[in-house]
């Protein structure tokens, strides 16, 4: 039977969690990265497609190379974080569907409607990026998502075969909360939700 999480867990995942801009000089253990993916893989995706592919950038040289592709605060965030995850989607994700979703010929669906491959791959990879943020918070890490990066340059470096396309960067580590700004406002229920 499933039970609601207690308030402390909900605080850690949502209410007290913040997007991190600066990180402490504290490494993230490799076993933690394995644990992160082990949680992310259970998040639901359309047809159980799991199109996301993750590159964990950890070495100083690789972090500096990635930072060189970025601007402003994103560059600083990558240099500060002990790990930056590049979340991409596999353009051939549908080839795995006979194994991942055997109840239905989902691969055949995408082969007949190739215009659906990119939207499904992109959207489900972003969904998996959201799971990665929550998994990181659940394991005691902080996360700083980043967009606005040069996709072609990043993909040319990490995926020169052209098989994957990047959708999000996510700095991971233990946040430096010193001089942190106040949380920005959130919409109220009445503004964001309709009950019909």
Protein backbone atom coordinates (compact mmCIF):
# COMPACT_ATOMS: atom_id res chain seq x y z
CA UNK A 1 0.00 0.00 0.00
CA UNK A 2 1.31 3.47 -0.90
CA UNK A 3 1.49 6.08 1.85
CA UNK A 4 1.96 9.84 1.61
CA UNK A 5 5.49 11.05 2.33
CA UNK A 6 5.94 12.90 5.60
CA UNK A 7 6.35 16.67 5.67
CA UNK A 8 10.14 16.46 5.96
CA UNK A 9 10.44 14.51 2.73
CA UNK A 10 8.06 16.92 0.98
CA UNK A 11 10.08 19.87 2.28
CA UNK A 12 13.29 18.30 0.95
CA UNK A 13 11.81 17.56 -2.47
CA UNK A 14 9.75 20.72 -2.94
CA UNK A 15 9.10 23.37 -0.29
CA UNK A 16 12.64 23.91 1.00
CA UNK A 17 14.46 22.85 -2.17
CA UNK A 18 16.01 25.56 -4.32
CA UNK A 19 17.69 25.73 -7.68
CA UNK A 20 21.40 25.98 -6.94
CA UNK A 21 23.70 28.57 -8.55
CA UNK A 22 26.85 28.00 -6.48
CA UNK A 23 28.24 24.80 -5.03
CA UNK A 24 30.56 23.81 -2.22
CA UNK A 25 33.91 22.24 -3.06
CA UNK A 26 32.60 18.81 -2.12
CA UNK A 27 32.70 15.91 -4.59
CA UNK A 28 29.72 13.78 -5.55
CA UNK A 29 30.57 10.10 -5.17
CA UNK A 30 30.31 7.89 -8.24
CA UNK A 31 27.98 5.54 -6.37
CA UNK A 32 25.60 8.47 -5.92
CA UNK A 33 25.45 8.93 -9.70
CA UNK A 34 24.54 5.26 -10.07
CA UNK A 35 21.86 5.71 -7.40
CA UNK A 36 20.53 8.78 -9.24
CA UNK A 37 19.99 6.90 -12.46
CA UNK A 38 18.57 3.92 -10.59
CA UNK A 39 15.77 6.19 -9.36
CA UNK A 40 15.28 8.12 -12.61
CA UNK A 41 14.75 4.96 -14.68
CA UNK A 42 11.54 4.19 -12.79
CA UNK A 43 9.82 7.45 -13.73
CA UNK A 44 7.02 6.97 -16.30
CA UNK A 45 7.53 7.93 -19.94
CA UNK A 46 5.32 7.52 -22.99
CA UNK A 47 5.40 3.87 -24.18
CA UNK A 48 8.04 3.36 -21.45
CA UNK A 49 10.38 4.75 -24.11
CA UNK A 50 13.01 6.20 -21.75
CA UNK A 51 14.62 8.30 -24.52
CA UNK A 52 16.89 10.31 -22.22
CA UNK A 53 20.63 9.75 -22.27
CA UNK A 54 22.78 11.26 -19.53
CA UNK A 55 26.39 12.40 -19.62
CA UNK A 56 27.84 13.21 -16.19
CA UNK A 57 30.66 15.73 -16.67
CA UNK A 58 33.02 15.38 -13.69
CA UNK A 59 36.68 15.97 -14.55
CA UNK A 60 38.13 19.47 -14.28
CA UNK A 61 39.19 19.46 -17.94
CA UNK A 62 35.73 18.41 -19.15
CA UNK A 63 34.01 20.94 -16.87
CA UNK A 64 36.24 23.70 -18.24
CA UNK A 65 35.48 22.62 -21.81
CA UNK A 66 31.73 22.65 -21.12
CA UNK A 67 31.99 26.02 -19.37
CA UNK A 68 33.77 27.40 -22.43
CA UNK A 69 30.61 26.73 -24.45
CA UNK A 70 28.44 28.70 -22.03
CA UNK A 71 27.95 32.31 -20.98
CA UNK A 72 27.53 34.28 -17.76
CA UNK A 73 26.03 32.57 -14.75
CA UNK A 74 25.76 29.21 -16.52
CA UNK A 75 29.53 29.19 -17.06
CA UNK A 76 30.12 30.00 -13.40
CA UNK A 77 27.62 27.35 -12.30
CA UNK A 78 29.35 24.60 -14.29
CA UNK A 79 32.77 25.58 -12.93
CA UNK A 80 31.41 25.59 -9.38
CA UNK A 81 29.49 22.30 -9.57
CA UNK A 82 31.38 19.02 -9.08
CA UNK A 83 29.11 17.37 -11.68
CA UNK A 84 27.04 18.68 -14.57
CA UNK A 85 24.57 16.30 -16.18
CA UNK A 86 23.90 16.76 -19.86
CA UNK A 87 20.42 15.42 -20.60
CA UNK A 88 19.88 14.44 -24.22
CA UNK A 89 17.46 12.29 -26.16
CA UNK A 90 18.34 9.35 -28.37
CA UNK A 91 17.02 9.85 -31.90
CA UNK A 92 16.71 6.07 -32.25
CA UNK A 93 14.94 5.52 -28.93
CA UNK A 94 12.04 3.83 -30.70
CA UNK A 95 14.31 0.95 -31.76
CA UNK A 96 14.33 -0.22 -28.12
CA UNK A 97 10.54 -0.30 -27.81
CA UNK A 98 10.05 -4.00 -28.63
CA UNK A 99 11.97 -4.71 -25.41
CA UNK A 100 10.74 -1.80 -23.29
CA UNK A 101 7.08 -1.92 -24.39
CA UNK A 102 6.34 -5.40 -25.75
CA UNK A 103 2.56 -5.18 -25.37
CA UNK A 104 2.16 -3.00 -28.47
CA UNK A 105 4.10 -2.38 -31.69
CA UNK A 106 5.21 1.09 -30.62
CA UNK A 107 8.30 0.95 -32.81
CA UNK A 108 6.02 0.39 -35.81
CA UNK A 109 3.93 3.36 -34.75
CA UNK A 110 6.96 5.66 -34.84
CA UNK A 111 8.24 4.15 -38.07
CA UNK A 112 4.87 4.92 -39.69
CA UNK A 113 4.77 8.41 -38.14
CA UNK A 114 8.42 9.57 -38.09
CA UNK A 115 7.30 13.16 -37.45
CA UNK A 116 6.33 11.99 -33.93
CA UNK A 117 9.84 10.78 -33.03
CA UNK A 118 11.37 14.18 -32.19
CA UNK A 119 8.46 15.52 -30.09
CA UNK A 120 8.18 12.25 -28.16
CA UNK A 121 11.94 11.99 -27.63
CA UNK A 122 12.36 15.61 -26.60
CA UNK A 123 9.34 15.82 -24.30
CA UNK A 124 9.98 12.53 -22.54
CA UNK A 125 13.67 13.37 -22.07
CA UNK A 126 12.63 16.63 -20.38
CA UNK A 127 10.28 14.62 -18.20
CA UNK A 128 13.21 12.41 -17.23
CA UNK A 129 15.27 15.52 -16.48
CA UNK A 130 12.56 16.47 -13.98
CA UNK A 131 12.88 13.05 -12.39
CA UNK A 132 16.64 13.62 -12.20
CA UNK A 133 16.11 16.85 -10.25
CA UNK A 134 13.79 15.12 -7.77
CA UNK A 135 16.08 12.09 -7.48
CA UNK A 136 19.02 14.40 -6.76
CA UNK A 137 17.05 16.16 -4.02
CA UNK A 138 15.92 12.83 -2.59
CA UNK A 139 19.57 11.74 -2.30
CA UNK A 140 20.62 14.97 -0.57
CA UNK A 141 22.05 16.75 -3.60
CA UNK A 142 21.16 20.15 -4.98
CA UNK A 143 20.47 20.81 -8.64
CA UNK A 144 20.74 23.83 -10.91
CA UNK A 145 19.01 23.40 -14.28
CA UNK A 146 20.28 25.39 -17.27
CA UNK A 147 18.99 26.09 -20.76
CA UNK A 148 20.17 28.61 -23.32
CA UNK A 149 23.26 26.68 -24.40
CA UNK A 150 24.58 26.14 -27.94
CA UNK A 151 23.05 22.76 -28.76
CA UNK A 152 25.02 22.25 -31.98
CA UNK A 153 28.38 22.91 -30.30
CA UNK A 154 27.54 20.74 -27.30
CA UNK A 155 26.24 17.88 -29.44
CA UNK A 156 29.22 18.12 -31.78
CA UNK A 157 31.48 17.57 -28.77
CA UNK A 158 29.53 14.89 -26.89
CA UNK A 159 27.56 13.19 -29.68
CA UNK A 160 29.62 13.53 -32.87
CA UNK A 161 27.75 10.60 -34.41
CA UNK A 162 24.57 12.72 -34.34
CA UNK A 163 22.56 10.05 -32.53
CA UNK A 164 21.57 12.24 -29.57
CA UNK A 165 20.40 15.82 -29.08
CA UNK A 166 20.88 17.76 -25.83
CA UNK A 167 17.86 19.29 -24.12
CA UNK A 168 19.03 20.43 -20.65
CA UNK A 169 22.08 20.92 -18.47
CA UNK A 170 21.82 20.19 -14.76
CA UNK A 171 24.53 21.21 -12.29
CA UNK A 172 24.69 18.76 -9.38
CA UNK A 173 26.39 18.94 -6.02
CA UNK A 174 25.98 20.46 -2.58
CA UNK A 175 24.80 24.06 -2.78
CA UNK A 176 26.63 26.99 -1.24
CA UNK A 177 23.69 28.75 0.41
CA UNK A 178 25.67 31.75 1.67
CA UNK A 179 24.06 35.03 0.57
CA UNK A 180 21.32 33.14 -1.25
CA UNK A 181 18.47 35.29 -2.52
CA UNK A 182 14.91 34.87 -1.28
CA UNK A 183 12.73 32.36 -3.08
CA UNK A 184 10.87 33.89 -6.01
CA UNK A 185 7.06 34.00 -5.88
CA UNK A 186 4.89 31.11 -7.02
CA UNK A 187 1.42 31.25 -8.55
CA UNK A 188 -1.50 30.59 -6.27
CA UNK A 189 -3.87 27.67 -6.80
CA UNK A 190 -6.52 30.10 -8.04
CA UNK A 191 -4.18 31.50 -10.73
CA UNK A 192 -2.79 28.21 -12.01
CA UNK A 193 -5.56 25.65 -11.56
CA UNK A 194 -9.11 25.09 -12.80
CA UNK A 195 -11.48 22.67 -11.11
CA UNK A 196 -14.14 21.51 -13.59
